[in-house]
Amino acid sequence: MAARKNVTLSDVAAAAGVSLSTASKALNGGGRIGEVTRLRVVETAERLDFRPNALAQSFALGRSRTVGLLTQNAVGTWSGPILVGATSFLGRHEQAALHYDAHFDIATLNANVRKLLARRIDGLLILGEGPEHVLRSVTQDFSVPVAYAFASTDDSGDAIFMPDGEMIGRVAAEHLLEIGRRKIAHIGVDINAPATERTRGFHEAMAAAGVQVAGEQTSGGDWKAEWGEQAMLRLLEEGVDFDGLFCANDVIAEAAEKVLLARGLSVPDDVAIVGVDNWEGVVARRRSHLTTVDPQLAAVGAAAAEYVVEGRNDPGVHRLPVSLVVGASSVA
C-alpha cells in the first residue's frame, strides 16, 4: 500500500487560491481576513485532509498548546470525573495535557510543580479532592493562567471552580416540596464548608416556601454510613413526624433508607429521600436508585480548563450549577 502523502500548508494555499500567509492566518485564527476567504481555506484543508504540524503551530503562535495538570490522587473517587471533564475540553480544543500525580504526597507535589516550572506550558490546572482539603497556592510561581478545580487554596486571589453548595441544598428541598412533601427532615454534616453550604441552601429553600423543617436539625457526624444510621435512629426514637428526608450525601441516604425499611416503612411512599453526589452514577456507572443531586464534577473540570485555555484573569470562587437525578427513592 502506498504511503499517505503529507499535505502541506502550501498545498492548501494553492488549492484555495490564497497566499501561504493567508492560509496560515485562516487556519490559526490570526490576522484580519474575510470570513468568506477563511471558510474557503478551512473547507479546502478539510477536503485535502490537511493535518497541521502541532510543533510548527506552537512556534508560529508562540504557544506550546500544552496545559499542565496536577492531581492529588488521580485514581480517587472524585478525581476521575473532574479529570475527564478537563481533558475532554482540552482535547476538543487541540490542547495537549502534561499530567503529574502527587499520590497525596507533599514532597511529590512540590517536585511536580518544579518540573512544570521548567516546562513550556500555556496554563496550569490543579485538581483537588474537595474544598475541605486546602492546597498551597502556586499561582504566583507561574507566569501563565492557573485554575483550581474542586479545591480550595490558602490564597483568596486564586481562581477556584467548584459545585454550588447552596444550590445543592435548594435543589433537594425544592424537589421534595414539588412532589408534595411538607414534613421534611434533614440529616446533615457540619465538619466543613461544603456540608454547611448544603444545609444552608436547604434551609433557605424551606423558609422561602414557608415550610418548617421537621424536627431538630440532625447534624454533627461525618460523611459515613454509620452517621446516617445513627441520625436516622435518633429521628425515629424522638418521634419526629416526617415524610421527606434530605441527606448530606448518598452514603448517608442509603444508610438512612436501610433503617427505614428495617422498621417497616416504605420508601418513597412513607418517606421520600434525596441524597447528594450521584454516587452510583459516577462511581458504579449505573442509574442511581436514589434521587440525588449530581455536583456535575465533569463540568467543573471543563470550566477550569476553559479558564486556563482562554487565558482569563478572573480570580475568586466560581460556583457551577448542579443537577437533580430522579430515582426511585422519591418517585415511585
Protein backbone atom coordinates (compact mmCIF):
# COMPACT_ATOMS: atom_id res chain seq x y z
CA MET A 1 0.00 0.00 0.00
CA ALA A 2 1.37 3.40 -0.95
CA ALA A 3 2.26 5.69 1.92
CA ARG A 4 -0.08 8.62 2.54
CA LYS A 5 1.28 11.83 1.02
CA ASN A 6 1.58 14.52 3.65
CA VAL A 7 -0.47 17.53 2.62
CA THR A 8 1.36 20.76 3.41
CA LEU A 9 0.10 24.23 4.15
CA SER A 10 1.44 25.25 0.73
CA ASP A 11 -0.83 22.64 -0.88
CA VAL A 12 -3.84 24.07 0.95
CA ALA A 13 -2.93 27.63 -0.02
CA ALA A 14 -2.53 26.70 -3.69
CA ALA A 15 -5.80 24.76 -3.81
CA ALA A 16 -7.68 27.59 -2.09
CA GLY A 17 -6.12 30.22 -4.31
CA VAL A 18 -4.61 32.26 -1.48
CA SER A 19 -1.14 33.10 -0.26
CA LEU A 20 0.70 30.94 2.26
CA SER A 21 0.38 33.72 4.83
CA THR A 22 -3.39 34.00 4.33
CA ALA A 23 -3.83 30.23 4.63
CA SER A 24 -1.88 30.23 7.88
CA LYS A 25 -3.96 33.07 9.32
CA ALA A 26 -7.21 31.40 8.29
CA LEU A 27 -6.36 28.13 9.99
CA ASN A 28 -4.72 29.58 13.10
CA GLY A 29 -7.25 32.34 13.73
CA GLY A 30 -4.75 35.17 13.40
CA GLY A 31 -4.74 38.37 11.37
CA ARG A 32 -7.58 40.12 9.56
CA ILE A 33 -9.05 38.15 6.68
CA GLY A 34 -12.54 37.99 5.26
CA GLU A 35 -14.95 35.36 6.53
CA VAL A 36 -15.54 34.03 3.01
CA THR A 37 -11.81 33.55 2.50
CA ARG A 38 -11.40 31.92 5.89
CA LEU A 39 -14.20 29.45 5.22
CA ARG A 40 -12.76 28.61 1.79
CA VAL A 41 -9.37 27.84 3.31
CA VAL A 42 -10.89 25.75 6.12
CA GLU A 43 -13.06 23.76 3.68
CA THR A 44 -10.05 23.19 1.41
CA ALA A 45 -7.97 21.97 4.35
CA GLU A 46 -10.71 19.53 5.35
CA ARG A 47 -11.13 18.28 1.77
CA LEU A 48 -7.40 17.65 1.42
CA ASP A 49 -7.26 16.06 4.90
CA PHE A 50 -4.64 18.57 5.97
CA ARG A 51 -3.13 17.75 9.35
CA PRO A 52 -1.19 20.68 10.76
CA ASN A 53 2.09 20.02 12.50
CA ALA A 54 1.50 20.75 16.18
CA LEU A 55 5.11 21.72 16.81
CA ALA A 56 5.15 24.10 13.86
CA GLN A 57 1.87 25.63 15.03
CA SER A 58 3.24 26.21 18.51
CA PHE A 59 6.25 28.05 17.11
CA ALA A 60 4.06 30.12 14.79
CA LEU A 61 1.64 31.09 17.56
CA GLY A 62 4.25 31.47 20.26
CA ARG A 63 2.38 28.94 22.38
CA SER A 64 3.04 25.33 23.33
CA ARG A 65 -0.63 24.27 23.12
CA THR A 66 0.11 22.27 26.27
CA VAL A 67 -1.57 22.64 29.65
CA GLY A 68 -0.07 21.30 32.86
CA LEU A 69 -2.30 19.09 35.01
CA LEU A 70 -1.61 18.44 38.68
CA THR A 71 -3.72 15.93 40.63
CA GLN A 72 -3.53 14.95 44.28
CA ASN A 73 -4.84 11.43 43.64
CA ALA A 74 -5.70 10.65 40.03
CA VAL A 75 -7.48 7.39 40.91
CA GLY A 76 -9.61 8.96 43.64
CA THR A 77 -13.38 8.74 43.61
CA TRP A 78 -13.94 12.34 42.65
CA SER A 79 -10.76 12.96 40.64
CA GLY A 80 -11.97 10.77 37.78
CA PRO A 81 -14.95 12.82 36.55
CA ILE A 82 -13.07 16.10 37.05
CA LEU A 83 -10.10 14.78 35.06
CA VAL A 84 -12.39 13.50 32.30
CA GLY A 85 -14.14 16.86 32.06
CA ALA A 86 -10.87 18.78 31.92
CA THR A 87 -9.07 16.55 29.42
CA SER A 88 -12.14 16.26 27.19
CA PHE A 89 -12.29 20.04 26.93
CA LEU A 90 -8.56 20.23 26.22
CA GLY A 91 -8.85 17.56 23.54
CA ARG A 92 -11.73 19.32 21.80
CA HIS A 93 -9.60 22.46 21.64
CA GLU A 94 -6.49 20.64 20.43
CA GLN A 95 -4.57 21.21 23.65
CA ALA A 96 -2.18 18.59 24.98
CA ALA A 97 -2.07 17.77 28.71
CA LEU A 98 1.11 17.19 30.72
CA HIS A 99 -0.12 15.30 33.78
CA TYR A 100 1.63 14.74 37.11
CA ASP A 101 0.02 13.00 40.09
CA ALA A 102 1.17 13.61 43.68
CA HIS A 103 -0.38 10.49 45.29
CA PHE A 104 -1.24 12.70 48.29
CA ASP A 105 2.46 13.25 48.96
CA ILE A 106 3.55 16.85 49.58
CA ALA A 107 7.15 16.24 48.53
CA THR A 108 5.98 14.70 45.27
CA LEU A 109 3.58 17.58 44.68
CA ASN A 110 6.36 20.14 45.19
CA ALA A 111 8.64 18.18 42.85
CA ASN A 112 5.90 18.11 40.22
CA VAL A 113 5.49 21.88 40.50
CA ARG A 114 9.22 22.31 39.90
CA LYS A 115 9.04 20.04 36.85
CA LEU A 116 6.21 22.09 35.36
CA LEU A 117 8.04 25.34 36.06
CA ALA A 118 10.82 24.02 33.85
CA ARG A 119 8.44 23.16 31.01
CA ARG A 120 6.86 25.42 28.41
CA ILE A 121 3.16 25.29 29.21
CA ASP A 122 0.34 27.71 28.39
CA GLY A 123 -1.52 27.21 31.65
CA LEU A 124 -1.83 25.06 34.75
CA LEU A 125 -4.88 23.22 36.06
CA ILE A 126 -4.79 21.79 39.59
CA LEU A 127 -7.45 19.24 40.55
CA GLY A 128 -8.33 18.74 44.20
CA GLU A 129 -10.15 16.18 46.30
CA GLY A 130 -12.70 18.60 47.68
CA PRO A 131 -12.67 22.13 49.08
CA GLU A 132 -12.08 20.80 52.60
CA HIS A 133 -8.52 19.92 51.52
CA VAL A 134 -6.72 23.28 51.43
CA LEU A 135 -3.86 23.38 48.93
CA ARG A 136 -0.82 25.62 48.95
CA SER A 137 -1.26 28.17 46.19
CA VAL A 138 1.33 28.04 43.41
CA THR A 139 -0.30 30.69 41.23
CA GLN A 140 2.38 33.29 41.86
CA ASP A 141 5.09 30.82 40.83
CA PHE A 142 3.79 30.72 37.26
CA SER A 143 3.51 33.39 34.58
CA VAL A 144 0.61 31.57 32.89
CA PRO A 145 -3.07 31.24 33.93
CA VAL A 146 -3.64 28.87 36.86
CA ALA A 147 -7.00 27.41 37.92
CA TYR A 148 -8.03 25.08 40.74
CA ALA A 149 -10.91 22.62 40.31
CA PHE A 150 -12.80 21.13 43.28
CA ALA A 151 -10.22 22.54 45.68
CA SER A 152 -9.53 25.47 47.95
CA THR A 153 -6.22 27.23 48.50
CA ASP A 154 -4.52 29.48 51.02
CA ASP A 155 -4.79 32.45 48.63
CA SER A 156 -8.15 34.18 48.22
CA GLY A 157 -6.93 35.65 44.93
CA ASP A 158 -6.85 32.29 43.15
CA ALA A 159 -9.35 31.20 40.50
CA ILE A 160 -11.29 28.29 42.00
CA PHE A 161 -14.03 26.22 40.39
CA MET A 162 -16.45 24.10 42.41
CA PRO A 163 -20.09 23.00 42.57
CA ASP A 164 -22.56 25.46 44.07
CA GLY A 165 -23.00 24.01 47.56
CA GLU A 166 -26.03 26.10 48.50
CA MET A 167 -27.71 25.21 45.21
CA ILE A 168 -27.35 21.54 46.16
CA GLY A 169 -29.47 22.08 49.27
CA ARG A 170 -32.00 24.23 47.42
CA VAL A 171 -32.46 21.70 44.61
CA ALA A 172 -33.05 18.90 47.12
CA ALA A 173 -35.61 20.87 49.13
CA GLU A 174 -37.43 22.15 46.06
CA HIS A 175 -37.77 18.63 44.64
CA LEU A 176 -39.25 17.26 47.87
CA LEU A 177 -41.64 20.20 48.06
CA GLU A 178 -42.64 19.80 44.41
CA ILE A 179 -43.67 16.17 44.98
CA GLY A 180 -45.93 17.26 47.83
CA ARG A 181 -43.81 16.57 50.90
CA ARG A 182 -44.29 19.12 53.67
CA LYS A 183 -42.72 17.42 56.70
CA ILE A 184 -39.11 17.27 55.57
CA ALA A 185 -36.25 16.30 57.87
CA HIS A 186 -32.54 16.75 57.28
CA ILE A 187 -29.51 14.66 58.16
CA GLY A 188 -26.54 16.94 57.76
CA VAL A 189 -22.83 17.09 58.42
CA ASP A 190 -21.17 20.11 59.97
CA ILE A 191 -17.49 19.23 59.67
CA ASN A 192 -16.62 21.54 56.76
CA ALA A 193 -17.81 24.34 54.48
CA PRO A 194 -19.33 22.16 51.70
CA ALA A 195 -21.55 20.43 54.26
CA THR A 196 -22.73 23.64 55.88
CA GLU A 197 -23.39 25.20 52.45
CA ARG A 198 -25.72 22.31 51.58
CA THR A 199 -27.55 22.72 54.87
CA ARG A 200 -27.83 26.48 54.43
CA GLY A 201 -29.26 26.12 50.92
CA PHE A 202 -31.78 23.56 52.17
CA HIS A 203 -33.00 25.81 54.99
CA GLU A 204 -33.21 28.83 52.68
CA ALA A 205 -35.44 26.93 50.24
CA MET A 206 -37.66 25.65 53.04
CA ALA A 207 -38.01 29.14 54.50
CA ALA A 208 -38.79 30.61 51.09
CA ALA A 209 -41.61 28.08 50.73
CA GLY A 210 -42.90 28.88 54.21
CA VAL A 211 -42.38 25.29 55.37
CA GLN A 212 -40.73 24.44 58.68
CA VAL A 213 -38.07 21.72 58.81
CA ALA A 214 -39.35 18.60 60.59
CA GLY A 215 -37.68 18.03 63.95
CA GLU A 216 -34.40 19.47 65.16
CA GLN A 217 -31.59 19.61 62.64
CA THR A 218 -29.72 16.31 62.89
CA SER A 219 -26.07 17.05 62.29
CA GLY A 220 -22.69 16.54 63.87
CA GLY A 221 -21.46 13.35 62.25
CA ASP A 222 -19.34 12.70 59.18
CA TRP A 223 -19.92 11.51 55.62
CA LYS A 224 -20.06 7.80 56.55
CA ALA A 225 -22.89 5.27 56.67
CA GLU A 226 -22.60 4.90 60.44
CA TRP A 227 -23.66 8.50 60.89
CA GLY A 228 -26.62 8.04 58.56
CA GLU A 229 -27.81 5.08 60.61
CA GLN A 230 -27.32 6.83 63.95
CA ALA A 231 -29.07 10.01 62.83
CA MET A 232 -31.99 8.09 61.35
CA LEU A 233 -32.46 6.09 64.54
CA ARG A 234 -32.38 9.34 66.52
CA LEU A 235 -35.14 10.88 64.39
CA LEU A 236 -37.32 7.79 64.83
CA GLU A 237 -36.68 7.49 68.57
CA GLU A 238 -37.56 11.16 69.06
CA GLY A 239 -40.87 10.54 67.30
CA VAL A 240 -40.29 13.12 64.59
CA ASP A 241 -43.11 13.04 62.05
CA PHE A 242 -41.59 13.35 58.56
CA ASP A 243 -42.47 12.33 55.02
CA GLY A 244 -39.36 13.64 53.28
CA LEU A 245 -35.64 13.44 54.03
CA PHE A 246 -32.64 15.30 52.66
CA CYS A 247 -29.27 13.71 53.43
CA ALA A 248 -25.87 15.37 53.07
CA ASN A 249 -24.62 12.65 50.72
CA ASP A 250 -25.67 9.36 49.12
CA VAL A 251 -23.81 7.18 51.62
CA ILE A 252 -25.79 8.71 54.48
CA ALA A 253 -29.01 8.49 52.45
CA GLU A 254 -28.58 4.77 51.75
CA ALA A 255 -27.87 4.06 55.43
CA ALA A 256 -30.96 6.02 56.47
CA GLU A 257 -33.05 4.18 53.89
CA LYS A 258 -31.95 0.79 55.28
CA VAL A 259 -33.06 1.80 58.77
CA LEU A 260 -36.46 2.94 57.49
CA LEU A 261 -37.01 -0.28 55.56
CA ALA A 262 -35.96 -2.35 58.58
CA ARG A 263 -38.62 -0.53 60.63
CA GLY A 264 -41.28 -1.49 58.08
CA LEU A 265 -41.59 1.92 56.44
CA SER A 266 -41.85 2.31 52.68
CA VAL A 267 -39.56 4.43 50.51
CA PRO A 268 -40.83 6.60 48.86
CA ASP A 269 -44.46 6.08 49.92
CA ASP A 270 -43.88 6.86 53.59
CA VAL A 271 -40.64 8.81 53.26
CA ALA A 272 -39.12 10.27 50.09
CA ILE A 273 -35.32 10.53 50.23
CA VAL A 274 -32.85 12.77 48.41
CA GLY A 275 -29.07 12.37 48.66
CA VAL A 276 -26.08 14.12 47.11
CA ASP A 277 -23.19 13.08 44.81
CA ASN A 278 -24.86 10.70 42.33
CA TRP A 279 -22.54 8.06 43.79
CA GLU A 280 -23.98 5.19 41.77
CA GLY A 281 -23.98 7.15 38.53
CA VAL A 282 -20.44 8.49 38.89
CA VAL A 283 -18.63 5.61 40.59
CA ALA A 284 -20.61 2.49 39.67
CA ARG A 285 -21.77 3.98 36.35
CA ARG A 286 -25.29 2.72 36.71
CA ARG A 287 -28.58 4.50 37.15
CA SER A 288 -28.99 5.50 40.77
CA HIS A 289 -31.98 4.12 42.65
CA LEU A 290 -31.60 7.15 44.89
CA THR A 291 -32.85 10.54 43.94
CA THR A 292 -29.65 12.52 44.22
CA VAL A 293 -28.14 15.90 43.44
CA ASP A 294 -25.28 15.48 40.98
CA PRO A 295 -22.48 18.05 41.59
CA GLN A 296 -21.53 17.83 37.89
CA LEU A 297 -17.81 17.40 38.56
CA ALA A 298 -17.00 16.85 34.88
CA ALA A 299 -18.43 20.30 34.18
CA VAL A 300 -16.29 21.71 36.98
CA GLY A 301 -13.17 20.26 35.35
CA ALA A 302 -14.21 21.55 31.93
CA ALA A 303 -14.89 25.07 33.24
CA ALA A 304 -11.49 25.24 34.92
CA ALA A 305 -9.81 24.01 31.72
CA GLU A 306 -11.68 26.62 29.68
CA TYR A 307 -10.46 29.35 32.04
CA VAL A 308 -6.85 28.30 31.51
CA VAL A 309 -7.09 27.84 27.73
CA GLU A 310 -8.78 31.21 27.24
CA GLY A 311 -6.14 32.90 29.38
CA ARG A 312 -8.72 34.61 31.55
CA ASN A 313 -7.90 36.69 34.62
CA ASP A 314 -10.96 36.34 36.81
CA PRO A 315 -9.88 35.33 40.32
CA GLY A 316 -12.25 34.20 43.04
CA VAL A 317 -14.59 31.27 43.57
CA HIS A 318 -16.63 30.26 40.52
CA ARG A 319 -19.63 28.19 41.63
CA LEU A 320 -21.15 25.99 38.96
CA PRO A 321 -24.72 24.65 38.60
CA VAL A 322 -25.70 21.21 39.85
CA SER A 323 -28.48 18.92 38.61
CA LEU A 324 -31.11 16.58 40.03
CA VAL A 325 -31.12 12.88 39.15
CA VAL A 326 -34.56 11.49 39.98
CA GLY A 327 -34.65 7.91 41.23
CA ALA A 328 -37.00 5.51 42.97
CA SER A 329 -36.30 6.88 46.44
CA SER A 330 -38.55 9.89 45.86
CA VAL A 331 -40.79 8.99 42.93
CA ALA A 332 -42.43 5.58 42.74
